[in-house]
């Protein structure tokens, strides 16, 4: 999976609605086997990868599949001819995006 994300043969689609990422999704240190979800969501160690004109958000909304999730989405494809779907369980997480520990922006510039 690590190599496939780094050098994809086909376009990558995220989510259920054919969302094609506008930027590469591969991270050099990647998500390693055995990493728990909370450790993977610690976004403090990653630089902001969004457009430079858009400020780093304070929080990100994530929807993850969870068999015990309280939200039900009727979008699990069963067949495409004829189209039929089954429910899947998800949960919504809100992850705080911490400021990087070392900031290169002078304090006076942050106040502007």
PDB file of N, CA and C in Angstrom:
ATOM      1  N   UNK A   1       0.828  -1.189   0.000  1.00  0.00           N
ATOM      2  CA  UNK A   1       0.000   0.000   0.000  1.00  0.00           C
ATOM      3  C   UNK A   1       0.873   1.253   0.000  1.00  0.00           C
ATOM      4  N   UNK A   2       1.939   1.222   0.789  1.00  0.00           N
ATOM      5  CA  UNK A   2       2.860   2.351   0.871  1.00  0.00           C
ATOM      6  C   UNK A   2       3.387   2.719  -0.515  1.00  0.00           C
ATOM      7  N   UNK A   3       3.889   1.729  -1.250  1.00  0.00           N
ATOM      8  CA  UNK A   3       4.432   1.976  -2.590  1.00  0.00           C
ATOM      9  C   UNK A   3       3.339   2.356  -3.588  1.00  0.00           C
ATOM     10  N   UNK A   4       2.171   1.764  -3.449  1.00  0.00           N
ATOM     11  CA  UNK A   4       1.071   2.078  -4.364  1.00  0.00           C
ATOM     12  C   UNK A   4       0.616   3.524  -4.199  1.00  0.00           C
ATOM     13  N   UNK A   5       0.640   4.059  -2.979  1.00  0.00           N
ATOM     14  CA  UNK A   5       0.281   5.464  -2.769  1.00  0.00           C
ATOM     15  C   UNK A   5       1.369   6.394  -3.288  1.00  0.00           C
ATOM     16  N   UNK A   6       2.624   5.960  -3.184  1.00  0.00           N
ATOM     17  CA  UNK A   6       3.728   6.792  -3.648  1.00  0.00           C
ATOM     18  C   UNK A   6       3.747   6.885  -5.172  1.00  0.00           C
ATOM     19  N   UNK A   7       3.516   5.773  -5.849  1.00  0.00           N
ATOM     20  CA  UNK A   7       3.558   5.724  -7.312  1.00  0.00           C
ATOM     21  C   UNK A   7       2.292   5.063  -7.855  1.00  0.00           C
ATOM     22  N   UNK A   8       1.147   5.738  -7.773  1.00  0.00           N
ATOM     23  CA  UNK A   8      -0.103   5.095  -8.214  1.00  0.00           C
ATOM     24  C   UNK A   8      -0.120   4.877  -9.729  1.00  0.00           C
ATOM     25  N   UNK A   9      -0.657   3.738 -10.133  1.00  0.00           N
ATOM     26  CA  UNK A   9      -0.812   3.416 -11.549  1.00  0.00           C
ATOM     27  C   UNK A   9      -2.086   4.069 -12.082  1.00  0.00           C
ATOM     28  N   UNK A  10      -3.127   4.100 -11.268  1.00  0.00           N
ATOM     29  CA  UNK A  10      -4.423   4.662 -11.631  1.00  0.00           C
ATOM     30  C   UNK A  10      -4.724   5.844 -10.722  1.00  0.00           C
ATOM     31  N   UNK A  11      -5.653   6.708 -11.115  1.00  0.00           N
ATOM     32  CA  UNK A  11      -6.044   7.815 -10.224  1.00  0.00           C
ATOM     33  C   UNK A  11      -6.586   7.283  -8.896  1.00  0.00           C
ATOM     34  N   UNK A  12      -6.270   7.985  -7.833  1.00  0.00           N
ATOM     35  CA  UNK A  12      -6.764   7.602  -6.511  1.00  0.00           C
ATOM     36  C   UNK A  12      -8.107   8.263  -6.257  1.00  0.00           C
ATOM     37  N   UNK A  13      -9.022   7.531  -5.659  1.00  0.00           N
ATOM     38  CA  UNK A  13     -10.337   8.063  -5.303  1.00  0.00           C
ATOM     39  C   UNK A  13     -10.520   7.879  -3.810  1.00  0.00           C
ATOM     40  N   UNK A  14     -10.878   8.943  -3.123  1.00  0.00           N
ATOM     41  CA  UNK A  14     -11.094   8.884  -1.685  1.00  0.00           C
ATOM     42  C   UNK A  14     -12.576   9.060  -1.404  1.00  0.00           C
ATOM     43  N   UNK A  15     -13.093   8.300  -0.468  1.00  0.00           N
ATOM     44  CA  UNK A  15     -14.495   8.447  -0.116  1.00  0.00           C
ATOM     45  C   UNK A  15     -15.403   7.660  -1.029  1.00  0.00           C
ATOM     46  N   UNK A  16     -16.681   7.899  -0.878  1.00  0.00           N
ATOM     47  CA  UNK A  16     -17.682   7.134  -1.610  1.00  0.00           C
ATOM     48  C   UNK A  16     -18.192   7.844  -2.851  1.00  0.00           C
ATOM     49  N   UNK A  17     -17.836   9.073  -3.049  1.00  0.00           N
ATOM     50  CA  UNK A  17     -18.379   9.866  -4.159  1.00  0.00           C
ATOM     51  C   UNK A  17     -17.316  10.209  -5.189  1.00  0.00           C
ATOM     52  N   UNK A  18     -16.335   9.327  -5.365  1.00  0.00           N
ATOM     53  CA  UNK A  18     -15.297   9.496  -6.375  1.00  0.00           C
ATOM     54  C   UNK A  18     -14.551  10.818  -6.213  1.00  0.00           C
ATOM     55  N   UNK A  19     -14.148  11.136  -4.998  1.00  0.00           N
ATOM     56  CA  UNK A  19     -13.357  12.326  -4.727  1.00  0.00           C
ATOM     57  C   UNK A  19     -11.917  12.059  -5.144  1.00  0.00           C
ATOM     58  N   UNK A  20     -11.445  12.818  -6.102  1.00  0.00           N
ATOM     59  CA  UNK A  20     -10.063  12.680  -6.574  1.00  0.00           C
ATOM     60  C   UNK A  20      -9.229  13.751  -5.881  1.00  0.00           C
ATOM     61  N   UNK A  21      -8.232  13.354  -5.084  1.00  0.00           N
ATOM     62  CA  UNK A  21      -7.424  14.364  -4.392  1.00  0.00           C
ATOM     63  C   UNK A  21      -6.663  15.244  -5.378  1.00  0.00           C
ATOM     64  N   UNK A  22      -6.571  16.517  -5.033  1.00  0.00           N
ATOM     65  CA  UNK A  22      -5.862  17.468  -5.876  1.00  0.00           C
ATOM     66  C   UNK A  22      -4.374  17.501  -5.599  1.00  0.00           C
ATOM     67  N   UNK A  23      -3.957  16.896  -4.515  1.00  0.00           N
ATOM     68  CA  UNK A  23      -2.544  16.842  -4.124  1.00  0.00           C
ATOM     69  C   UNK A  23      -2.186  15.389  -3.837  1.00  0.00           C
ATOM     70  N   UNK A  24      -0.913  15.032  -3.888  1.00  0.00           N
ATOM     71  CA  UNK A  24      -0.513  13.652  -3.559  1.00  0.00           C
ATOM     72  C   UNK A  24      -0.914  13.289  -2.122  1.00  0.00           C
ATOM     73  N   UNK A  25      -1.315  12.035  -1.930  1.00  0.00           N
ATOM     74  CA  UNK A  25      -1.713  11.587  -0.593  1.00  0.00           C
ATOM     75  C   UNK A  25      -0.600  10.825   0.114  1.00  0.00           C
ATOM     76  N   UNK A  26       0.498  10.585  -0.562  1.00  0.00           N
ATOM     77  CA  UNK A  26       1.613   9.851   0.016  1.00  0.00           C
ATOM     78  C   UNK A  26       2.398  10.741   0.963  1.00  0.00           C
ATOM     79  N   UNK A  27       2.701  10.217   2.132  1.00  0.00           N
ATOM     80  CA  UNK A  27       3.562  10.905   3.095  1.00  0.00           C
ATOM     81  C   UNK A  27       4.830  10.075   3.255  1.00  0.00           C
ATOM     82  N   UNK A  28       5.959  10.751   3.342  1.00  0.00           N
ATOM     83  CA  UNK A  28       7.240  10.047   3.366  1.00  0.00           C
ATOM     84  C   UNK A  28       7.323   9.009   4.481  1.00  0.00           C
ATOM     85  N   UNK A  29       6.874   9.373   5.696  1.00  0.00           N
ATOM     86  CA  UNK A  29       6.957   8.403   6.787  1.00  0.00           C
ATOM     87  C   UNK A  29       5.745   7.488   6.819  1.00  0.00           C
ATOM     88  N   UNK A  30       4.712   7.816   6.079  1.00  0.00           N
ATOM     89  CA  UNK A  30       3.561   6.944   5.861  1.00  0.00           C
ATOM     90  C   UNK A  30       2.875   6.426   7.105  1.00  0.00           C
ATOM     91  N   UNK A  31       1.779   5.763   6.888  1.00  0.00           N
ATOM     92  CA  UNK A  31       1.042   5.089   7.948  1.00  0.00           C
ATOM     93  C   UNK A  31       1.563   3.659   8.014  1.00  0.00           C
ATOM     94  N   UNK A  32       2.161   3.297   9.116  1.00  0.00           N
ATOM     95  CA  UNK A  32       2.780   1.988   9.257  1.00  0.00           C
ATOM     96  C   UNK A  32       1.803   0.996   9.887  1.00  0.00           C
ATOM     97  N   UNK A  33       1.955  -0.277   9.546  1.00  0.00           N
ATOM     98  CA  UNK A  33       1.118  -1.331  10.130  1.00  0.00           C
ATOM     99  C   UNK A  33       1.250  -1.288  11.651  1.00  0.00           C
ATOM    100  N   UNK A  34       0.142  -1.432  12.329  1.00  0.00           N
ATOM    101  CA  UNK A  34       0.143  -1.432  13.783  1.00  0.00           C
ATOM    102  C   UNK A  34      -0.029  -0.057  14.399  1.00  0.00           C
ATOM    103  N   UNK A  35      -0.036   1.001  13.594  1.00  0.00           N
ATOM    104  CA  UNK A  35      -0.238   2.350  14.113  1.00  0.00           C
ATOM    105  C   UNK A  35      -1.698   2.492  14.511  1.00  0.00           C
ATOM    106  N   UNK A  36      -1.959   2.925  15.732  1.00  0.00           N
ATOM    107  CA  UNK A  36      -3.358   3.068  16.123  1.00  0.00           C
ATOM    108  C   UNK A  36      -3.917   4.381  15.586  1.00  0.00           C
ATOM    109  N   UNK A  37      -5.232   4.470  15.519  1.00  0.00           N
ATOM    110  CA  UNK A  37      -5.896   5.606  14.890  1.00  0.00           C
ATOM    111  C   UNK A  37      -5.520   6.923  15.560  1.00  0.00           C
ATOM    112  N   UNK A  38      -5.454   6.945  16.884  1.00  0.00           N
ATOM    113  CA  UNK A  38      -5.124   8.195  17.575  1.00  0.00           C
ATOM    114  C   UNK A  38      -3.721   8.678  17.220  1.00  0.00           C
ATOM    115  N   UNK A  39      -2.762   7.764  17.127  1.00  0.00           N
ATOM    116  CA  UNK A  39      -1.402   8.149  16.748  1.00  0.00           C
ATOM    117  C   UNK A  39      -1.377   8.640  15.301  1.00  0.00           C
ATOM    118  N   UNK A  40      -2.141   7.989  14.441  1.00  0.00           N
ATOM    119  CA  UNK A  40      -2.172   8.394  13.034  1.00  0.00           C
ATOM    120  C   UNK A  40      -2.791   9.780  12.873  1.00  0.00           C
ATOM    121  N   UNK A  41      -3.686  10.149  13.766  1.00  0.00           N
ATOM    122  CA  UNK A  41      -4.378  11.430  13.656  1.00  0.00           C
ATOM    123  C   UNK A  41      -3.667  12.559  14.385  1.00  0.00           C
ATOM    124  N   UNK A  42      -2.502  12.282  14.946  1.00  0.00           N
ATOM    125  CA  UNK A  42      -1.727  13.344  15.581  1.00  0.00           C
ATOM    126  C   UNK A  42      -1.087  14.180  14.481  1.00  0.00           C
ATOM    127  N   UNK A  43      -1.752  15.242  14.107  1.00  0.00           N
ATOM    128  CA  UNK A  43      -1.348  16.027  12.950  1.00  0.00           C
ATOM    129  C   UNK A  43      -0.303  17.088  13.268  1.00  0.00           C
ATOM    130  N   UNK A  44       0.137  17.143  14.505  1.00  0.00           N
ATOM    131  CA  UNK A  44       1.102  18.170  14.888  1.00  0.00           C
ATOM    132  C   UNK A  44       2.425  17.999  14.158  1.00  0.00           C
ATOM    133  N   UNK A  45       2.801  16.774  13.864  1.00  0.00           N
ATOM    134  CA  UNK A  45       4.112  16.531  13.270  1.00  0.00           C
ATOM    135  C   UNK A  45       4.148  16.765  11.765  1.00  0.00           C
ATOM    136  N   UNK A  46       3.002  17.019  11.142  1.00  0.00           N
ATOM    137  CA  UNK A  46       2.978  17.233   9.697  1.00  0.00           C
ATOM    138  C   UNK A  46       2.834  18.704   9.363  1.00  0.00           C
ATOM    139  N   UNK A  47       3.561  19.158   8.355  1.00  0.00           N
ATOM    140  CA  UNK A  47       3.375  20.542   7.915  1.00  0.00           C
ATOM    141  C   UNK A  47       2.017  20.680   7.241  1.00  0.00           C
ATOM    142  N   UNK A  48       1.493  21.896   7.195  1.00  0.00           N
ATOM    143  CA  UNK A  48       0.232  22.149   6.504  1.00  0.00           C
ATOM    144  C   UNK A  48       0.462  21.934   5.015  1.00  0.00           C
ATOM    145  N   UNK A  49      -0.274  21.000   4.416  1.00  0.00           N
ATOM    146  CA  UNK A  49      -0.099  20.652   3.013  1.00  0.00           C
ATOM    147  C   UNK A  49      -1.131  21.318   2.118  1.00  0.00           C
ATOM    148  N   UNK A  50      -1.986  22.124   2.717  1.00  0.00           N
ATOM    149  CA  UNK A  50      -2.995  22.818   1.929  1.00  0.00           C
ATOM    150  C   UNK A  50      -2.405  24.001   1.180  1.00  0.00           C
ATOM    151  N   UNK A  51      -3.239  24.646   0.365  1.00  0.00           N
ATOM    152  CA  UNK A  51      -2.759  25.809  -0.387  1.00  0.00           C
ATOM    153  C   UNK A  51      -2.227  26.889   0.556  1.00  0.00           C
ATOM    154  N   UNK A  52      -1.191  27.569   0.123  1.00  0.00           N
ATOM    155  CA  UNK A  52      -0.557  28.587   0.960  1.00  0.00           C
ATOM    156  C   UNK A  52      -1.519  29.719   1.308  1.00  0.00           C
ATOM    157  N   UNK A  53      -2.470  30.018   0.434  1.00  0.00           N
ATOM    158  CA  UNK A  53      -3.408  31.119   0.687  1.00  0.00           C
ATOM    159  C   UNK A  53      -4.508  30.734   1.676  1.00  0.00           C
ATOM    160  N   UNK A  54      -4.612  29.462   2.011  1.00  0.00           N
ATOM    161  CA  UNK A  54      -5.640  29.003   2.941  1.00  0.00           C
ATOM    162  C   UNK A  54      -4.983  28.705   4.290  1.00  0.00           C
ATOM    163  N   UNK A  55      -5.456  29.315   5.368  1.00  0.00           N
ATOM    164  CA  UNK A  55      -4.808  29.083   6.665  1.00  0.00           C
ATOM    165  C   UNK A  55      -5.018  27.655   7.169  1.00  0.00           C
ATOM    166  N   UNK A  56      -4.093  27.219   7.983  1.00  0.00           N
ATOM    167  CA  UNK A  56      -4.190  25.896   8.611  1.00  0.00           C
ATOM    168  C   UNK A  56      -5.457  25.868   9.464  1.00  0.00           C
ATOM    169  N   UNK A  57      -6.343  24.866   9.282  1.00  0.00           N
ATOM    170  CA  UNK A  57      -7.585  24.829  10.066  1.00  0.00           C
ATOM    171  C   UNK A  57      -7.303  24.474  11.523  1.00  0.00           C
ATOM    172  N   UNK A  58      -8.215  24.834  12.389  1.00  0.00           N
ATOM    173  CA  UNK A  58      -8.092  24.487  13.814  1.00  0.00           C
ATOM    174  C   UNK A  58      -8.549  23.052  14.060  1.00  0.00           C
ATOM    175  N   UNK A  59      -9.450  22.558  13.179  1.00  0.00           N
ATOM    176  CA  UNK A  59     -10.029  21.246  13.377  1.00  0.00           C
ATOM    177  C   UNK A  59     -10.379  20.628  12.022  1.00  0.00           C
ATOM    178  N   UNK A  60     -10.261  19.302  11.930  1.00  0.00           N
ATOM    179  CA  UNK A  60     -10.655  18.580  10.727  1.00  0.00           C
ATOM    180  C   UNK A  60     -11.787  17.617  11.064  1.00  0.00           C
ATOM    181  N   UNK A  61     -12.729  17.484  10.159  1.00  0.00           N
ATOM    182  CA  UNK A  61     -13.841  16.542  10.319  1.00  0.00           C
ATOM    183  C   UNK A  61     -13.508  15.288   9.516  1.00  0.00           C
ATOM    184  N   UNK A  62     -13.521  14.133  10.193  1.00  0.00           N
ATOM    185  CA  UNK A  62     -13.238  12.860   9.540  1.00  0.00           C
ATOM    186  C   UNK A  62     -14.423  11.930   9.721  1.00  0.00           C
ATOM    187  N   UNK A  63     -14.791  11.237   8.672  1.00  0.00           N
ATOM    188  CA  UNK A  63     -15.833  10.220   8.754  1.00  0.00           C
ATOM    189  C   UNK A  63     -15.148   8.891   8.477  1.00  0.00           C
ATOM    190  N   UNK A  64     -15.169   7.992   9.469  1.00  0.00           N
ATOM    191  CA  UNK A  64     -14.480   6.710   9.339  1.00  0.00           C
ATOM    192  C   UNK A  64     -15.469   5.566   9.495  1.00  0.00           C
ATOM    193  N   UNK A  65     -15.217   4.494   8.751  1.00  0.00           N
ATOM    194  CA  UNK A  65     -16.059   3.312   8.886  1.00  0.00           C
ATOM    195  C   UNK A  65     -15.825   2.700  10.259  1.00  0.00           C
ATOM    196  N   UNK A  66     -16.928   2.294  10.900  1.00  0.00           N
ATOM    197  CA  UNK A  66     -16.859   1.718  12.235  1.00  0.00           C
ATOM    198  C   UNK A  66     -18.076   0.816  12.396  1.00  0.00           C
ATOM    199  N   UNK A  67     -17.844  -0.470  12.551  1.00  0.00           N
ATOM    200  CA  UNK A  67     -18.969  -1.404  12.682  1.00  0.00           C
ATOM    201  C   UNK A  67     -19.873  -1.067  13.854  1.00  0.00           C
ATOM    202  N   UNK A  68     -19.338  -0.386  14.864  1.00  0.00           N
ATOM    203  CA  UNK A  68     -20.123   0.023  16.026  1.00  0.00           C
ATOM    204  C   UNK A  68     -20.602   1.475  15.899  1.00  0.00           C
ATOM    205  N   UNK A  69     -20.355   2.102  14.764  1.00  0.00           N
ATOM    206  CA  UNK A  69     -20.714   3.505  14.567  1.00  0.00           C
ATOM    207  C   UNK A  69     -22.211   3.732  14.638  1.00  0.00           C
ATOM    208  N   UNK A  70     -22.590   4.891  15.153  1.00  0.00           N
ATOM    209  CA  UNK A  70     -24.009   5.192  15.336  1.00  0.00           C
ATOM    210  C   UNK A  70     -24.648   5.802  14.087  1.00  0.00           C
ATOM    211  N   UNK A  71     -23.839   6.249  13.138  1.00  0.00           N
ATOM    212  CA  UNK A  71     -24.385   6.823  11.907  1.00  0.00           C
ATOM    213  C   UNK A  71     -24.453   5.732  10.833  1.00  0.00           C
ATOM    214  N   UNK A  72     -25.526   5.742  10.065  1.00  0.00           N
ATOM    215  CA  UNK A  72     -25.698   4.761   9.000  1.00  0.00           C
ATOM    216  C   UNK A  72     -25.742   5.493   7.662  1.00  0.00           C
ATOM    217  N   UNK A  73     -24.943   5.041   6.725  1.00  0.00           N
ATOM    218  CA  UNK A  73     -24.926   5.602   5.371  1.00  0.00           C
ATOM    219  C   UNK A  73     -25.333   4.497   4.402  1.00  0.00           C
ATOM    220  N   UNK A  74     -26.391   4.684   3.636  1.00  0.00           N
ATOM    221  CA  UNK A  74     -26.831   3.638   2.694  1.00  0.00           C
ATOM    222  C   UNK A  74     -26.077   3.726   1.365  1.00  0.00           C
ATOM    223  N   UNK A  75     -24.750   3.584   1.403  1.00  0.00           N
ATOM    224  CA  UNK A  75     -23.970   3.796   0.189  1.00  0.00           C
ATOM    225  C   UNK A  75     -22.911   2.728  -0.078  1.00  0.00           C
ATOM    226  N   UNK A  76     -23.051   1.558   0.551  1.00  0.00           N
ATOM    227  CA  UNK A  76     -22.119   0.461   0.291  1.00  0.00           C
ATOM    228  C   UNK A  76     -22.585  -0.268  -0.973  1.00  0.00           C
ATOM    229  N   UNK A  77     -21.857  -0.123  -2.094  1.00  0.00           N
ATOM    230  CA  UNK A  77     -22.323  -0.750  -3.339  1.00  0.00           C
ATOM    231  C   UNK A  77     -22.409  -2.278  -3.223  1.00  0.00           C
ATOM    232  N   UNK A  78     -23.533  -2.810  -3.640  1.00  0.00           N
ATOM    233  CA  UNK A  78     -23.710  -4.256  -3.738  1.00  0.00           C
ATOM    234  C   UNK A  78     -23.651  -4.692  -5.199  1.00  0.00           C
ATOM    235  N   UNK A  79     -24.243  -3.871  -6.054  1.00  0.00           N
ATOM    236  CA  UNK A  79     -24.289  -4.175  -7.479  1.00  0.00           C
ATOM    237  C   UNK A  79     -24.385  -2.868  -8.252  1.00  0.00           C
ATOM    238  N   UNK A  80     -23.800  -2.856  -9.431  1.00  0.00           N
ATOM    239  CA  UNK A  80     -23.902  -1.673 -10.274  1.00  0.00           C
ATOM    240  C   UNK A  80     -24.860  -1.890 -11.440  1.00  0.00           C
ATOM    241  N   UNK A  81     -25.320  -3.115 -11.645  1.00  0.00           N
ATOM    242  CA  UNK A  81     -26.289  -3.389 -12.701  1.00  0.00           C
ATOM    243  C   UNK A  81     -27.242  -4.474 -12.224  1.00  0.00           C
ATOM    244  N   UNK A  82     -28.391  -4.195 -11.705  1.00  0.00           N
ATOM    245  CA  UNK A  82     -28.906  -2.861 -11.386  1.00  0.00           C
ATOM    246  C   UNK A  82     -28.224  -2.323 -10.132  1.00  0.00           C
ATOM    247  N   UNK A  83     -28.250  -1.011  -9.994  1.00  0.00           N
ATOM    248  CA  UNK A  83     -27.609  -0.377  -8.835  1.00  0.00           C
ATOM    249  C   UNK A  83     -28.365  -0.738  -7.558  1.00  0.00           C
ATOM    250  N   UNK A  84     -27.598  -1.230  -6.577  1.00  0.00           N
ATOM    251  CA  UNK A  84     -28.188  -1.482  -5.259  1.00  0.00           C
ATOM    252  C   UNK A  84     -27.106  -1.251  -4.211  1.00  0.00           C
ATOM    253  N   UNK A  85     -27.559  -0.789  -3.060  1.00  0.00           N
ATOM    254  CA  UNK A  85     -26.633  -0.396  -2.005  1.00  0.00           C
ATOM    255  C   UNK A  85     -27.084  -0.972  -0.671  1.00  0.00           C
ATOM    256  N   UNK A  86     -26.122  -1.195   0.204  1.00  0.00           N
ATOM    257  CA  UNK A  86     -26.385  -1.663   1.553  1.00  0.00           C
ATOM    258  C   UNK A  86     -25.947  -0.582   2.530  1.00  0.00           C
ATOM    259  N   UNK A  87     -26.450  -0.642   3.749  1.00  0.00           N
ATOM    260  CA  UNK A  87     -26.003   0.347   4.738  1.00  0.00           C
ATOM    261  C   UNK A  87     -24.599   0.016   5.248  1.00  0.00           C
ATOM    262  N   UNK A  88     -23.885   1.039   5.656  1.00  0.00           N
ATOM    263  CA  UNK A  88     -22.606   0.858   6.346  1.00  0.00           C
ATOM    264  C   UNK A  88     -22.602   1.804   7.535  1.00  0.00           C
ATOM    265  N   UNK A  89     -21.922   1.410   8.590  1.00  0.00           N
ATOM    266  CA  UNK A  89     -21.856   2.200   9.812  1.00  0.00           C
ATOM    267  C   UNK A  89     -20.580   3.027   9.831  1.00  0.00           C
ATOM    268  N   UNK A  90     -20.722   4.278  10.221  1.00  0.00           N
ATOM    269  CA  UNK A  90     -19.588   5.192  10.311  1.00  0.00           C
ATOM    270  C   UNK A  90     -19.683   5.975  11.614  1.00  0.00           C
ATOM    271  N   UNK A  91     -18.604   6.631  11.942  1.00  0.00           N
ATOM    272  CA  UNK A  91     -18.624   7.615  13.026  1.00  0.00           C
ATOM    273  C   UNK A  91     -17.862   8.836  12.569  1.00  0.00           C
ATOM    274  N   UNK A  92     -18.256   9.968  13.089  1.00  0.00           N
ATOM    275  CA  UNK A  92     -17.621  11.234  12.736  1.00  0.00           C
ATOM    276  C   UNK A  92     -16.691  11.647  13.861  1.00  0.00           C
ATOM    277  N   UNK A  93     -15.470  11.975  13.498  1.00  0.00           N
ATOM    278  CA  UNK A  93     -14.470  12.439  14.452  1.00  0.00           C
ATOM    279  C   UNK A  93     -14.088  13.865  14.107  1.00  0.00           C
ATOM    280  N   UNK A  94     -13.816  14.644  15.116  1.00  0.00           N
ATOM    281  CA  UNK A  94     -13.274  15.985  14.912  1.00  0.00           C
ATOM    282  C   UNK A  94     -11.890  15.982  15.541  1.00  0.00           C
ATOM    283  N   UNK A  95     -10.889  16.200  14.715  1.00  0.00           N
ATOM    284  CA  UNK A  95      -9.499  16.125  15.152  1.00  0.00           C
ATOM    285  C   UNK A  95      -8.940  17.528  15.238  1.00  0.00           C
ATOM    286  N   UNK A  96      -8.427  17.877  16.420  1.00  0.00           N
ATOM    287  CA  UNK A  96      -7.784  19.174  16.581  1.00  0.00           C
ATOM    288  C   UNK A  96      -6.453  19.172  15.829  1.00  0.00           C
ATOM    289  N   UNK A  97      -6.223  20.216  15.077  1.00  0.00           N
ATOM    290  CA  UNK A  97      -4.962  20.376  14.364  1.00  0.00           C
ATOM    291  C   UNK A  97      -4.120  21.322  15.195  1.00  0.00           C
ATOM    292  N   UNK A  98      -3.095  20.770  15.819  1.00  0.00           N
ATOM    293  CA  UNK A  98      -2.238  21.576  16.682  1.00  0.00           C
ATOM    294  C   UNK A  98      -1.279  22.401  15.841  1.00  0.00           C
ATOM    295  N   UNK A  99      -0.891  23.513  16.386  1.00  0.00           N
ATOM    296  CA  UNK A  99       0.136  24.322  15.726  1.00  0.00           C
ATOM    297  C   UNK A  99       1.449  23.556  15.801  1.00  0.00           C
ATOM    298  N   UNK A 100       2.279  23.664  14.778  1.00  0.00           N
ATOM    299  CA  UNK A 100       3.581  22.995  14.833  1.00  0.00           C
ATOM    300  C   UNK A 100       4.382  23.489  16.031  1.00  0.00           C
ATOM    301  N   UNK A 101       5.193  22.589  16.591  1.00  0.00           N
ATOM    302  CA  UNK A 101       5.987  22.961  17.768  1.00  0.00           C
ATOM    303  C   UNK A 101       6.997  24.045  17.453  1.00  0.00           C
ATOM    304  N   UNK A 102       7.572  24.013  16.264  1.00  0.00           N
ATOM    305  CA  UNK A 102       8.523  25.061  15.897  1.00  0.00           C
ATOM    306  C   UNK A 102       7.896  25.899  14.798  1.00  0.00           C
ATOM    307  N   UNK A 103       7.673  27.146  15.094  1.00  0.00           N
ATOM    308  CA  UNK A 103       7.060  28.047  14.128  1.00  0.00           C
ATOM    309  C   UNK A 103       8.126  28.938  13.519  1.00  0.00           C
ATOM    310  N   UNK A 104       8.064  29.100  12.204  1.00  0.00           N
ATOM    311  CA  UNK A 104       9.030  29.965  11.540  1.00  0.00           C
ATOM    312  C   UNK A 104       8.472  31.369  11.359  1.00  0.00           C
ATOM    313  N   UNK A 105       7.233  31.595  11.812  1.00  0.00           N
ATOM    314  CA  UNK A 105       6.608  32.909  11.679  1.00  0.00           C
ATOM    315  C   UNK A 105       6.925  33.718  12.924  1.00  0.00           C
ATOM    316  N   UNK A 106       7.498  34.894  12.799  1.00  0.00           N
ATOM    317  CA  UNK A 106       7.777  35.720  13.979  1.00  0.00           C
ATOM    318  C   UNK A 106       6.483  36.078  14.696  1.00  0.00           C
ATOM    319  N   UNK A 107       6.542  36.220  16.009  1.00  0.00           N
ATOM    320  CA  UNK A 107       5.351  36.517  16.814  1.00  0.00           C
ATOM    321  C   UNK A 107       4.652  37.769  16.333  1.00  0.00           C
ATOM    322  N   UNK A 108       5.397  38.773  15.903  1.00  0.00           N
ATOM    323  CA  UNK A 108       4.782  40.023  15.455  1.00  0.00           C
ATOM    324  C   UNK A 108       3.957  39.808  14.189  1.00  0.00           C
ATOM    325  N   UNK A 109       4.362  38.884  13.320  1.00  0.00           N
ATOM    326  CA  UNK A 109       3.630  38.618  12.087  1.00  0.00           C
ATOM    327  C   UNK A 109       2.326  37.888  12.371  1.00  0.00           C
ATOM    328  N   UNK A 110       2.277  37.067  13.450  1.00  0.00           N
ATOM    329  CA  UNK A 110       1.069  36.335  13.785  1.00  0.00           C
ATOM    330  C   UNK A 110      -0.048  37.265  14.233  1.00  0.00           C
ATOM    331  N   UNK A 111       0.297  38.427  14.771  1.00  0.00           N
ATOM    332  CA  UNK A 111      -0.712  39.345  15.289  1.00  0.00           C
ATOM    333  C   UNK A 111      -1.378  40.149  14.186  1.00  0.00           C
ATOM    334  N   UNK A 112      -0.783  40.224  13.016  1.00  0.00           N
ATOM    335  CA  UNK A 112      -1.303  41.043  11.925  1.00  0.00           C
ATOM    336  C   UNK A 112      -2.544  40.441  11.338  1.00  0.00           C
TER     337      UNK A 112
END
